[in-house]
Amino acid sequence: MNKKNFWKYLTILIVGMLTFSILPEVVALGLFIDVIGMDMFVLMIQAQIGVIFIGFYSQYLKPMLSTINNFLYRIDPYYFIPSKAMIKKYPMIVMHMVPFVVAINMLVFVGM
C-alpha cells in the first residue's frame, strides 16, 4: 500500500469513527479532519509538540544545562567544547567534551 492510499484510508477510518460520536465537539473534530486531511492534522499536532518542546527547552532545560556546563569548566581542567571545524580536523578531541574522561585516562594510563 503506497503512502497516498494509507493516508486516505486512515482519514476515512478516523473521520467515520469521529462522525458517529454522540458529542458534537467530536463530530466537529471529525469534520475538521475531513476538510484538512489526516496528514495535515498530524503535521499540525507535530508542530504544536515542537513549539511546546522549544518553550520547555529555552525556559527550563537551557539554564540548567548552562549551569552544569559552567560547573564542569571550573572543576575539570581538560573539559571544553570544541568547534565543528576543530572536530573535523582533530576527531579525537571529542574526548574533551565528555567530563573527566581525559583526567581519568591520564590517571589510569600515565599513573601505571
Protein backbone atom coordinates (compact mmCIF):
# COMPACT_ATOMS: atom_id res chain seq x y z
CA MET A 1 0.00 0.00 0.00
CA ASN A 2 1.51 3.31 -1.02
CA LYS A 3 1.60 6.38 1.19
CA LYS A 4 -1.26 8.21 -0.52
CA ASN A 5 -3.68 5.30 -0.07
CA PHE A 6 -2.58 4.83 3.54
CA TRP A 7 -3.50 8.41 4.50
CA LYS A 8 -6.76 8.20 2.55
CA TYR A 9 -7.89 5.03 4.34
CA LEU A 10 -6.70 6.31 7.71
CA THR A 11 -8.64 9.55 7.21
CA ILE A 12 -11.79 7.64 6.22
CA LEU A 13 -11.48 5.40 9.27
CA ILE A 14 -10.89 8.20 11.79
CA VAL A 15 -13.46 10.57 10.31
CA GLY A 16 -16.01 7.77 10.29
CA MET A 17 -15.35 6.95 13.93
CA LEU A 18 -15.47 10.60 14.99
CA THR A 19 -18.56 11.44 12.94
CA PHE A 20 -20.66 8.74 14.57
CA SER A 21 -19.84 10.02 18.04
CA ILE A 22 -22.52 11.38 20.38
CA LEU A 23 -20.64 14.54 21.40
CA PRO A 24 -20.95 17.47 18.97
CA GLU A 25 -17.35 18.59 19.61
CA VAL A 26 -16.04 15.22 18.49
CA VAL A 27 -18.23 15.31 15.37
CA ALA A 28 -16.83 18.78 14.60
CA LEU A 29 -13.29 17.43 15.04
CA GLY A 30 -14.08 14.62 12.61
CA LEU A 31 -15.43 17.07 10.05
CA PHE A 32 -12.39 19.32 10.56
CA ILE A 33 -10.06 16.38 9.90
CA ASP A 34 -12.13 15.50 6.84
CA VAL A 35 -11.72 19.03 5.46
CA ILE A 36 -7.98 19.46 6.01
CA GLY A 37 -6.90 15.82 5.67
CA MET A 38 -5.28 13.45 8.13
CA ASP A 39 -1.70 14.19 7.08
CA MET A 40 -2.19 17.94 7.64
CA PHE A 41 -3.82 17.26 11.02
CA VAL A 42 -0.85 15.11 12.11
CA LEU A 43 1.52 17.83 10.87
CA MET A 44 -0.34 20.42 12.98
CA ILE A 45 -0.01 18.20 16.06
CA GLN A 46 3.72 17.72 15.40
CA ALA A 47 4.19 21.48 15.08
CA GLN A 48 2.46 22.03 18.42
CA ILE A 49 4.65 19.41 20.10
CA GLY A 50 7.71 21.14 18.65
CA VAL A 51 6.62 24.53 19.96
CA ILE A 52 5.98 23.09 23.42
CA PHE A 53 9.39 21.38 23.47
CA ILE A 54 11.20 24.55 22.33
CA GLY A 55 9.50 26.55 25.07
CA PHE A 56 10.35 23.92 27.68
CA TYR A 57 13.96 23.78 26.49
CA SER A 58 14.50 27.54 26.49
CA GLN A 59 12.77 28.12 29.83
CA TYR A 60 13.90 25.17 31.93
CA LEU A 61 16.49 22.95 30.26
CA LYS A 62 18.89 25.52 28.79
CA PRO A 63 19.57 27.41 32.06
CA MET A 64 20.11 24.14 33.90
CA LEU A 65 22.49 22.81 31.24
CA SER A 66 24.46 26.06 31.12
CA THR A 67 24.86 25.93 34.91
CA ILE A 68 26.15 22.37 34.68
CA ASN A 69 28.48 23.39 31.84
CA ASN A 70 29.92 26.28 33.87
CA PHE A 71 30.39 23.96 36.85
CA LEU A 72 32.26 21.45 34.69
CA TYR A 73 34.50 24.20 33.30
CA ARG A 74 35.52 25.09 36.85
CA ILE A 75 36.28 21.61 38.18
CA ASP A 76 37.72 19.76 35.15
CA PRO A 77 40.78 21.45 33.62
CA TYR A 78 40.63 19.36 30.41
CA TYR A 79 36.92 19.88 29.70
CA PHE A 80 35.93 22.17 26.84
CA ILE A 81 33.56 22.11 23.88
CA PRO A 82 35.47 22.29 20.58
CA SER A 83 34.10 23.85 17.40
CA LYS A 84 32.92 21.82 14.41
CA ALA A 85 35.97 22.81 12.38
CA MET A 86 38.25 21.62 15.17
CA ILE A 87 36.40 18.29 15.38
CA LYS A 88 36.76 17.79 11.62
CA LYS A 89 40.48 18.50 11.82
CA TYR A 90 41.15 16.53 15.04
CA PRO A 91 38.41 13.90 15.62
CA MET A 92 39.89 12.58 18.88
CA ILE A 93 39.33 15.96 20.53
CA VAL A 94 35.73 14.85 21.06
CA MET A 95 37.00 13.10 24.20
CA HIS A 96 37.44 16.52 25.80
CA MET A 97 33.67 17.07 25.54
CA VAL A 98 32.99 14.21 27.98
CA PRO A 99 33.68 15.37 31.55
CA PHE A 100 36.54 13.72 33.45
CA VAL A 101 37.46 11.29 30.61
CA VAL A 102 40.83 12.90 29.88
CA ALA A 103 41.70 13.31 33.55
CA ILE A 104 40.77 9.69 34.40
CA ASN A 105 42.65 8.35 31.37
CA MET A 106 45.72 10.32 32.39
CA LEU A 107 45.48 8.97 35.94
CA VAL A 108 44.98 5.37 34.81
CA PHE A 109 47.40 5.10 31.91
CA VAL A 110 50.11 7.57 32.92
CA GLY A 111 49.94 6.55 36.56
CA MET A 112 50.76 2.95 35.69
